[in-house]
């Protein structure tokens, strides 16, 4: 009798175990794994802050510091900003004060695209005004478009597109180019 009871208990246990495995195998559903490498092109916003300062330092040296009215963090290398006002520290020791109504900042690669009433003024003399400015700080290439005006020393340059460096010394002017030398020009 003892063996018969033990045998029935073992059979019942095996049947219960079989039913649990059958339910797990046929009756349950497993969610699809997420794809972490999938690019999301709908610009899912992670964070928006107001009245803040964005800055970047590298090896103990300031690269740039911008006060912004609104900054929206899109991903690890893209920040959309509104109401920019700040300083970009140049390799030659000069400083460029920049102002714009909006911008796209790539902090990891030090690339800027600022637009809407852009003004840039060098501490050691020089001025640039444009509708839009794209700047790669690492390569020091500055591309200004849209009714561009550059004043450097006794020179005035105007064009629809200007390619230069942050020092505003040498220019490449495209479309409606006009250059004057030898005068005193207002930086506005």
Protein backbone atom coordinates (compact mmCIF):
# COMPACT_ATOMS: atom_id res chain seq x y z
CA UNK A 1 0.00 0.00 0.00
CA UNK A 2 2.79 2.39 0.81
CA UNK A 3 4.36 1.88 -2.60
CA UNK A 4 1.01 2.41 -4.34
CA UNK A 5 0.47 5.77 -2.50
CA UNK A 6 4.01 6.89 -3.29
CA UNK A 7 3.55 5.89 -6.92
CA UNK A 8 0.26 7.86 -7.18
CA UNK A 9 1.88 10.92 -5.51
CA UNK A 10 4.85 10.79 -7.93
CA UNK A 11 2.51 10.40 -10.93
CA UNK A 12 0.37 13.32 -9.73
CA UNK A 13 3.49 15.47 -9.26
CA UNK A 14 4.75 14.58 -12.75
CA UNK A 15 1.34 15.36 -14.25
CA UNK A 16 1.27 18.76 -12.47
CA UNK A 17 4.82 19.49 -13.69
CA UNK A 18 3.83 18.48 -17.23
CA UNK A 19 0.77 20.80 -17.11
CA UNK A 20 2.88 23.73 -15.91
CA UNK A 21 5.43 23.20 -18.72
CA UNK A 22 2.62 22.75 -21.26
CA UNK A 23 1.02 26.02 -20.14
CA UNK A 24 4.38 27.84 -20.35
CA UNK A 25 5.13 26.39 -23.77
CA UNK A 26 1.73 26.69 -25.50
CA UNK A 27 -0.33 29.10 -23.44
CA UNK A 28 1.93 31.99 -22.55
CA UNK A 29 3.32 34.73 -24.73
CA UNK A 30 6.78 36.24 -24.60
CA UNK A 31 7.17 39.90 -25.61
CA UNK A 32 9.37 40.67 -28.59
CA UNK A 33 12.84 41.83 -27.60
CA UNK A 34 13.54 45.53 -28.03
CA UNK A 35 16.02 46.65 -30.63
CA UNK A 36 18.44 49.03 -28.90
CA UNK A 37 20.25 49.75 -32.16
CA UNK A 38 17.06 50.93 -33.86
CA UNK A 39 17.25 54.61 -34.81
CA UNK A 40 14.26 56.68 -33.81
CA UNK A 41 13.72 59.44 -36.35
CA UNK A 42 10.73 61.05 -34.67
CA UNK A 43 12.98 63.09 -32.32
CA UNK A 44 11.62 61.74 -29.06
CA UNK A 45 12.44 64.46 -26.55
CA UNK A 46 14.31 63.44 -23.44
CA UNK A 47 14.41 66.74 -21.55
CA UNK A 48 13.69 70.44 -21.95
CA UNK A 49 15.12 73.05 -19.60
CA UNK A 50 14.63 76.81 -19.48
CA UNK A 51 17.09 79.61 -18.66
CA UNK A 52 20.20 77.50 -18.34
CA UNK A 53 23.86 77.53 -19.32
CA UNK A 54 25.34 74.95 -21.67
CA UNK A 55 29.11 74.63 -21.68
CA UNK A 56 31.86 72.32 -22.82
CA UNK A 57 35.31 71.90 -21.30
CA UNK A 58 38.01 69.62 -22.62
CA UNK A 59 41.24 68.78 -20.79
CA UNK A 60 40.66 71.62 -18.33
CA UNK A 61 40.18 74.21 -21.09
CA UNK A 62 36.89 75.98 -21.79
CA UNK A 63 35.65 75.46 -25.33
CA UNK A 64 32.33 77.31 -25.15
CA UNK A 65 29.65 78.54 -22.76
CA UNK A 66 26.14 79.52 -23.91
CA UNK A 67 23.22 80.93 -21.95
CA UNK A 68 20.01 79.65 -23.52
CA UNK A 69 16.39 80.49 -22.84
CA UNK A 70 15.31 76.95 -23.77
CA UNK A 71 17.36 73.80 -24.42
CA UNK A 72 15.85 70.53 -25.62
CA UNK A 73 18.02 67.44 -25.35
CA UNK A 74 17.23 65.26 -28.38
CA UNK A 75 19.99 62.65 -28.13
CA UNK A 76 23.55 62.29 -26.87
CA UNK A 77 24.94 64.58 -29.56
CA UNK A 78 22.11 66.98 -30.38
CA UNK A 79 20.63 69.84 -28.39
CA UNK A 80 18.07 72.22 -29.88
CA UNK A 81 18.29 75.67 -28.31
CA UNK A 82 16.37 78.94 -28.38
CA UNK A 83 17.62 82.35 -27.32
CA UNK A 84 21.39 81.74 -27.39
CA UNK A 85 23.87 84.23 -25.95
CA UNK A 86 27.39 83.18 -25.03
CA UNK A 87 31.10 82.88 -25.63
CA UNK A 88 33.14 80.53 -27.79
CA UNK A 89 36.79 80.32 -26.74
CA UNK A 90 39.13 80.16 -29.73
CA UNK A 91 42.46 78.34 -29.97
CA UNK A 92 44.39 81.59 -30.48
CA UNK A 93 43.17 82.93 -27.10
CA UNK A 94 40.50 85.20 -28.59
CA UNK A 95 36.85 84.96 -27.60
CA UNK A 96 33.82 85.11 -29.87
CA UNK A 97 30.60 86.44 -28.36
CA UNK A 98 27.63 84.93 -30.24
CA UNK A 99 23.90 85.69 -30.20
CA UNK A 100 21.08 83.98 -32.09
CA UNK A 101 17.39 83.19 -31.72
CA UNK A 102 17.79 79.44 -32.31
CA UNK A 103 20.38 76.78 -32.82
CA UNK A 104 21.38 73.14 -33.09
CA UNK A 105 24.37 72.19 -30.95
CA UNK A 106 26.36 68.98 -31.24
CA UNK A 107 28.35 69.07 -28.00
CA UNK A 108 30.44 65.93 -28.53
CA UNK A 109 31.78 67.09 -31.90
CA UNK A 110 31.70 70.86 -31.13
CA UNK A 111 29.57 71.71 -34.15
CA UNK A 112 27.07 74.56 -34.10
CA UNK A 113 24.30 75.61 -36.45
CA UNK A 114 22.77 78.84 -35.22
CA UNK A 115 20.11 80.81 -37.04
CA UNK A 116 17.76 83.78 -36.95
CA UNK A 117 19.57 87.11 -36.45
CA UNK A 118 23.01 85.68 -35.77
CA UNK A 119 25.71 88.06 -34.57
CA UNK A 120 29.26 87.13 -33.65
CA UNK A 121 31.78 89.60 -32.24
CA UNK A 122 35.46 88.86 -31.61
CA UNK A 123 36.99 90.28 -28.44
CA UNK A 124 40.13 91.34 -30.36
CA UNK A 125 38.11 92.99 -33.15
CA UNK A 126 35.87 91.58 -35.82
CA UNK A 127 32.15 91.24 -36.41
CA UNK A 128 29.86 88.93 -38.37
CA UNK A 129 26.11 89.16 -38.93
CA UNK A 130 24.07 86.55 -40.86
CA UNK A 131 20.78 84.71 -41.05
CA UNK A 132 22.46 81.35 -40.39
CA UNK A 133 25.94 80.22 -39.32
CA UNK A 134 27.32 76.69 -39.31
CA UNK A 135 30.58 76.17 -37.47
CA UNK A 136 32.80 73.16 -36.91
CA UNK A 137 35.03 74.20 -34.00
CA UNK A 138 37.43 71.26 -34.43
CA UNK A 139 38.15 72.08 -38.10
CA UNK A 140 37.60 75.84 -37.54
CA UNK A 141 35.38 76.22 -40.60
CA UNK A 142 32.62 78.81 -40.40
CA UNK A 143 29.93 79.02 -43.09
CA UNK A 144 27.57 82.00 -42.88
CA UNK A 145 24.56 82.38 -45.17
CA UNK A 146 21.78 84.90 -45.72
CA UNK A 147 22.70 88.59 -46.06
CA UNK A 148 26.11 88.13 -44.45
CA UNK A 149 28.06 91.15 -43.24
CA UNK A 150 31.64 90.87 -41.98
CA UNK A 151 33.66 93.75 -40.51
CA UNK A 152 37.34 93.16 -39.71
CA UNK A 153 39.62 96.13 -39.10
CA UNK A 154 39.24 98.57 -42.02
CA UNK A 155 37.44 96.05 -44.22
CA UNK A 156 33.75 95.39 -44.90
CA UNK A 157 32.56 92.29 -46.77
CA UNK A 158 28.99 91.45 -47.78
CA UNK A 159 27.62 88.39 -49.57
CA UNK A 160 24.87 85.80 -49.48
CA UNK A 161 27.40 83.15 -48.41
CA UNK A 162 30.76 83.52 -46.67
CA UNK A 163 33.18 80.71 -45.84
CA UNK A 164 35.87 81.68 -43.34
CA UNK A 165 37.52 80.69 -40.08
CA UNK A 166 36.71 81.91 -36.57
CA UNK A 167 39.47 84.51 -36.86
CA UNK A 168 37.59 86.25 -39.73
CA UNK A 169 40.86 86.87 -41.60
CA UNK A 170 40.40 85.15 -44.98
CA UNK A 171 37.06 84.89 -46.77
CA UNK A 172 35.46 83.11 -49.63
CA UNK A 173 32.45 85.15 -50.78
CA UNK A 174 29.63 83.75 -52.94
CA UNK A 175 26.62 85.46 -54.54
CA UNK A 176 26.21 89.25 -54.42
CA UNK A 177 29.75 89.69 -53.08
CA UNK A 178 30.89 93.20 -52.14
CA UNK A 179 34.16 94.20 -50.42
CA UNK A 180 35.33 97.62 -49.23
CA UNK A 181 38.65 98.57 -47.62
CA UNK A 182 40.01 101.65 -45.95
CA UNK A 183 36.99 102.89 -44.03
CA UNK A 184 35.49 102.80 -40.59
CA UNK A 185 32.54 100.47 -40.49
CA UNK A 186 29.96 100.01 -37.79
CA UNK A 187 29.60 96.58 -36.24
CA UNK A 188 25.83 96.27 -36.19
